[in-house]
Amino acid sequence: MKRPFVFFDLDGTLYDFPGCAAVALKATLARAQEELGCPDEYLPALQAAFWQAYFHYLKRESSLGDPRAALEQVLTRTFAPCRAGQARLSPHFGHELSGTWLRAFFAALAPFPGVRPLLEELQAAGVILGVVSNGTRPFQVAKLRRLGLKVYFPGRNLFFSGDGGGAKPDPAIFHRALSALHLAPAAGVFVGDSPRTDLAGGLQAGLRVVWLNRYGLPAPEEVRGKIHVVTSFPAAARAVWALLHQEEGG
């Protein structure tokens, strides 16, 4: 008998990554203003510069690197235009700012409404739960612990790009998870939020995919008609159960 399972993405799926990052950036901007004397009119440009640098890192840099070191680089690059305080920039400036960012980010972490009840119900029903996420194991596990969700995911059920063996959207990371847990892809569901990294890889690995599309984005052409699109976590929960029951009935 095929064992039912559900794999989840982490960032943006189980919690509000953009919201937490915005809180962290606000705290970091306040700290930088205090240190550098950046005028208020710089703030919108600095926010834009941060996100540009951050997404450049996500797209172009290796996910195997140290997240804090990467964050230091992003923040140092972001605040370089603050010429008024340039002379006072210390070699430790990026490190200090990354500390501010991380403290504020982790303080803001909270699971989306409906996440914990779904995980409890799935666990009680004997459904195998796992996480497939881009990032390093220490950083991602720290998030799960802060969210209070680590209890639902044994360490052997956590698969991160930082462990090697592929990063989403490469289906290799899904194949690695399926092989490690001895699971049949057709028996499982993957829930993710990113049209760029979560959809195609899950499909190519043979999983049924639920796209948590909170922002009404258009589906990439290559996955249209092949995924289940929802706009909230409660809707994702309904889709997950429907797909699991569909497999049972099949």
Protein backbone atom coordinates (compact mmCIF):
# COMPACT_ATOMS: atom_id res chain seq x y z
CA MET A 1 0.00 0.00 0.00
CA LYS A 2 1.31 3.43 -0.95
CA ARG A 3 1.93 5.64 2.05
CA PRO A 4 0.26 9.07 1.74
CA PHE A 5 2.47 12.09 2.29
CA VAL A 6 2.49 15.87 2.01
CA PHE A 7 5.61 17.94 1.42
CA PHE A 8 5.57 21.66 2.13
CA ASP A 9 7.72 24.54 1.04
CA LEU A 10 8.66 26.73 4.02
CA ASP A 11 9.21 30.40 3.18
CA GLY A 12 6.00 32.08 2.03
CA THR A 13 4.00 28.87 2.40
CA LEU A 14 3.91 28.08 6.12
CA TYR A 15 4.49 31.69 7.18
CA ASP A 16 4.46 35.19 5.71
CA PHE A 17 8.03 35.58 4.49
CA PRO A 18 7.50 38.96 2.73
CA GLY A 19 5.76 40.36 5.81
CA CYS A 20 8.48 39.20 8.22
CA ALA A 21 11.19 40.48 5.89
CA ALA A 22 9.45 43.86 5.69
CA VAL A 23 9.38 44.10 9.50
CA ALA A 24 13.07 43.19 9.61
CA LEU A 25 13.96 45.71 6.92
CA LYS A 26 12.09 48.48 8.78
CA ALA A 27 14.11 47.77 11.93
CA THR A 28 17.32 47.65 9.93
CA LEU A 29 16.57 50.95 8.19
CA ALA A 30 15.96 52.57 11.58
CA ARG A 31 19.30 51.24 12.83
CA ALA A 32 21.09 52.46 9.71
CA GLN A 33 19.52 55.89 10.01
CA GLU A 34 20.74 56.10 13.58
CA GLU A 35 24.27 55.07 12.56
CA LEU A 36 24.62 56.82 9.21
CA GLY A 37 22.25 59.73 9.42
CA CYS A 38 20.51 58.73 6.19
CA PRO A 39 17.86 61.36 5.36
CA ASP A 40 14.25 60.19 5.35
CA GLU A 41 14.01 60.78 1.61
CA TYR A 42 16.59 58.01 1.11
CA LEU A 43 14.37 55.37 2.68
CA PRO A 44 12.21 54.38 -0.33
CA ALA A 45 15.33 54.05 -2.48
CA LEU A 46 17.05 52.01 0.23
CA GLN A 47 14.07 49.67 0.51
CA ALA A 48 14.09 49.16 -3.25
CA ALA A 49 17.87 48.62 -3.21
CA PHE A 50 17.57 46.01 -0.48
CA TRP A 51 14.97 43.95 -2.34
CA GLN A 52 16.89 44.23 -5.59
CA ALA A 53 20.08 43.02 -3.91
CA TYR A 54 18.22 40.32 -2.00
CA PHE A 55 16.52 38.84 -5.05
CA HIS A 56 19.77 39.10 -7.00
CA TYR A 57 21.27 36.90 -4.29
CA LEU A 58 18.40 34.43 -4.45
CA LYS A 59 18.60 34.17 -8.22
CA ARG A 60 22.33 34.28 -8.86
CA GLU A 61 24.20 33.15 -5.76
CA SER A 62 24.60 29.65 -4.43
CA SER A 63 22.06 28.56 -1.85
CA LEU A 64 24.84 26.60 -0.15
CA GLY A 65 26.46 29.70 1.32
CA ASP A 66 26.14 31.11 4.83
CA PRO A 67 22.82 33.05 4.97
CA ARG A 68 24.17 35.59 7.45
CA ALA A 69 27.25 36.28 5.32
CA ALA A 70 25.01 36.72 2.29
CA LEU A 71 22.72 39.04 4.25
CA GLU A 72 25.72 41.11 5.33
CA GLN A 73 26.70 41.53 1.68
CA VAL A 74 23.17 42.49 0.70
CA LEU A 75 22.86 45.07 3.48
CA THR A 76 26.31 46.56 2.87
CA ARG A 77 25.45 46.94 -0.81
CA THR A 78 22.06 48.44 0.06
CA PHE A 79 23.43 51.17 2.31
CA ALA A 80 26.44 52.12 0.20
CA PRO A 81 24.59 55.19 -1.25
CA CYS A 82 24.36 56.79 2.21
CA ARG A 83 27.29 59.07 1.41
CA ALA A 84 26.69 61.24 4.47
CA GLY A 85 27.78 58.38 6.72
CA GLN A 86 30.23 56.73 4.36
CA ALA A 87 33.26 57.86 6.34
CA ARG A 88 31.90 56.19 9.46
CA LEU A 89 31.26 52.80 7.89
CA SER A 90 33.19 50.15 9.83
CA PRO A 91 34.18 46.69 8.64
CA HIS A 92 31.62 45.33 11.08
CA PHE A 93 28.75 47.47 9.78
CA GLY A 94 27.20 44.73 7.64
CA HIS A 95 27.51 42.25 10.52
CA GLU A 96 25.75 44.64 12.91
CA LEU A 97 22.94 45.31 10.45
CA SER A 98 22.46 41.63 9.68
CA GLY A 99 22.11 41.00 13.41
CA THR A 100 19.40 43.66 13.61
CA TRP A 101 17.65 42.17 10.58
CA LEU A 102 17.73 38.61 11.91
CA ARG A 103 16.52 39.52 15.40
CA ALA A 104 13.56 41.44 14.00
CA PHE A 105 12.83 38.75 11.41
CA PHE A 106 12.73 35.90 13.92
CA ALA A 107 10.66 37.96 16.37
CA ALA A 108 8.02 38.45 13.65
CA LEU A 109 7.75 34.78 12.68
CA ALA A 110 4.31 33.21 13.08
CA PRO A 111 2.60 30.46 11.09
CA PHE A 112 -0.22 31.39 8.75
CA PRO A 113 -3.71 30.78 10.18
CA GLY A 114 -4.74 27.22 9.49
CA VAL A 115 -1.23 25.79 9.27
CA ARG A 116 -1.08 24.15 12.68
CA PRO A 117 -4.58 22.60 12.51
CA LEU A 118 -3.83 21.06 9.11
CA LEU A 119 -0.52 19.62 10.28
CA GLU A 120 -2.16 18.18 13.40
CA GLU A 121 -4.96 16.59 11.35
CA LEU A 122 -2.57 15.13 8.79
CA GLN A 123 -0.28 13.79 11.50
CA ALA A 124 -3.22 12.22 13.36
CA ALA A 125 -4.33 10.54 10.13
CA GLY A 126 -0.91 8.96 9.68
CA VAL A 127 0.08 11.11 6.71
CA ILE A 128 3.86 11.51 6.37
CA LEU A 129 4.89 15.18 6.58
CA GLY A 130 8.02 16.74 5.15
CA VAL A 131 9.58 20.03 4.11
CA VAL A 132 11.35 20.63 0.79
CA SER A 133 12.95 24.07 0.84
CA ASN A 134 15.81 26.04 -0.64
CA GLY A 135 18.20 27.21 2.07
CA THR A 136 20.63 25.89 4.63
CA ARG A 137 19.56 23.35 7.25
CA PRO A 138 20.52 25.35 10.39
CA PHE A 139 18.73 28.50 9.19
CA GLN A 140 15.58 26.73 7.99
CA VAL A 141 15.31 24.49 11.06
CA ALA A 142 15.69 27.57 13.29
CA LYS A 143 12.67 29.07 11.51
CA LEU A 144 10.62 25.92 12.02
CA ARG A 145 11.48 25.89 15.73
CA ARG A 146 10.57 29.56 16.13
CA LEU A 147 7.30 28.93 14.29
CA GLY A 148 6.54 26.05 16.67
CA LEU A 149 6.24 23.67 13.72
CA LYS A 150 9.36 21.54 14.09
CA VAL A 151 7.38 19.02 16.17
CA TYR A 152 5.50 17.97 13.01
CA PHE A 153 8.61 17.33 10.93
CA PRO A 154 11.24 14.78 12.03
CA GLY A 155 14.76 15.72 10.99
CA ARG A 156 14.89 12.90 8.45
CA ASN A 157 11.84 14.44 6.72
CA LEU A 158 13.53 17.80 6.11
CA PHE A 159 15.18 18.34 2.73
CA PHE A 160 17.12 21.53 2.03
CA SER A 161 19.12 22.65 -0.97
CA GLY A 162 21.97 23.48 1.40
CA ASP A 163 22.42 19.76 2.05
CA GLY A 164 23.45 19.27 -1.59
CA GLY A 165 21.70 17.33 -4.31
CA GLY A 166 19.82 20.10 -6.06
CA ALA A 167 17.73 23.17 -5.38
CA LYS A 168 14.19 23.88 -6.50
CA PRO A 169 13.05 24.10 -9.26
CA ASP A 170 15.39 21.19 -10.04
CA PRO A 171 13.29 18.06 -9.41
CA ALA A 172 16.39 16.35 -8.00
CA ILE A 173 15.64 17.65 -4.50
CA PHE A 174 12.18 16.05 -4.69
CA HIS A 175 13.65 12.78 -5.97
CA ARG A 176 16.09 12.85 -3.07
CA ALA A 177 13.23 13.23 -0.59
CA LEU A 178 11.16 10.48 -2.20
CA SER A 179 14.09 8.09 -2.27
CA ALA A 180 15.14 8.79 1.32
CA LEU A 181 11.65 8.15 2.66
CA HIS A 182 10.79 5.31 0.23
CA LEU A 183 7.69 7.09 -1.05
CA ALA A 184 5.78 6.75 -4.32
CA PRO A 185 5.36 10.21 -5.90
CA ALA A 186 1.77 9.55 -6.98
CA ALA A 187 0.76 9.08 -3.33
CA GLY A 188 1.81 12.57 -2.32
CA VAL A 189 1.09 16.26 -2.57
CA PHE A 190 3.44 19.24 -2.56
CA VAL A 191 2.28 22.66 -1.34
CA GLY A 192 4.30 25.72 -2.34
CA ASP A 193 3.91 29.41 -3.06
CA SER A 194 6.61 30.33 -5.59
CA PRO A 195 5.73 30.10 -9.28
CA ARG A 196 9.44 30.20 -10.09
CA THR A 197 10.75 27.49 -7.77
CA ASP A 198 7.89 25.35 -6.47
CA LEU A 199 5.67 24.27 -9.33
CA ALA A 200 7.59 22.70 -12.20
CA GLY A 201 9.99 20.71 -10.02
CA GLY A 202 7.23 19.09 -8.03
CA LEU A 203 5.33 18.15 -11.17
CA GLN A 204 8.44 16.78 -12.86
CA ALA A 205 9.04 14.59 -9.82
CA GLY A 206 5.55 13.14 -10.21
CA LEU A 207 3.83 14.86 -7.28
CA ARG A 208 0.49 16.58 -7.37
CA VAL A 209 1.09 20.26 -6.70
CA VAL A 210 -1.03 22.79 -4.81
CA TRP A 211 -0.01 26.36 -5.59
CA LEU A 212 -0.71 28.79 -2.76
CA ASN A 213 -1.15 31.85 -4.97
CA ARG A 214 -2.01 34.62 -2.51
CA TYR A 215 -1.25 37.45 -4.92
CA GLY A 216 -3.24 36.35 -7.96
CA LEU A 217 -0.19 35.80 -10.15
CA PRO A 218 -0.56 34.19 -13.57
CA ALA A 219 0.49 30.56 -13.66
CA PRO A 220 3.60 29.82 -15.71
CA GLU A 221 2.57 28.47 -19.10
CA GLU A 222 4.32 25.13 -18.63
CA VAL A 223 2.21 24.21 -15.57
CA ARG A 224 -1.19 25.60 -16.54
CA GLY A 225 -3.92 23.03 -16.13
CA LYS A 226 -1.59 20.70 -14.25
CA ILE A 227 -1.64 22.26 -10.77
CA HIS A 228 -4.27 23.06 -8.17
CA VAL A 229 -4.43 26.80 -7.51
CA VAL A 230 -5.69 28.24 -4.20
CA THR A 231 -5.44 31.68 -2.64
CA SER A 232 -5.39 30.92 1.10
CA PHE A 233 -4.04 28.27 3.43
CA PRO A 234 -7.51 27.00 4.44
CA ALA A 235 -8.22 26.49 0.73
CA ALA A 236 -4.88 24.70 0.41
CA ALA A 237 -5.89 22.41 3.28
CA ARG A 238 -9.12 21.49 1.50
CA ALA A 239 -7.22 20.80 -1.71
CA VAL A 240 -4.70 18.61 0.10
CA TRP A 241 -7.38 16.47 1.70
CA ALA A 242 -9.29 16.16 -1.58
CA LEU A 243 -6.16 14.98 -3.39
CA LEU A 244 -5.26 12.49 -0.67
CA HIS A 245 -8.77 11.04 -0.67
CA GLN A 246 -8.67 10.93 -4.47
CA GLU A 247 -5.57 8.73 -4.29
CA GLU A 248 -7.25 6.48 -1.74
CA GLY A 249 -10.26 6.09 -4.01
CA GLY A 250 -8.08 5.52 -7.08
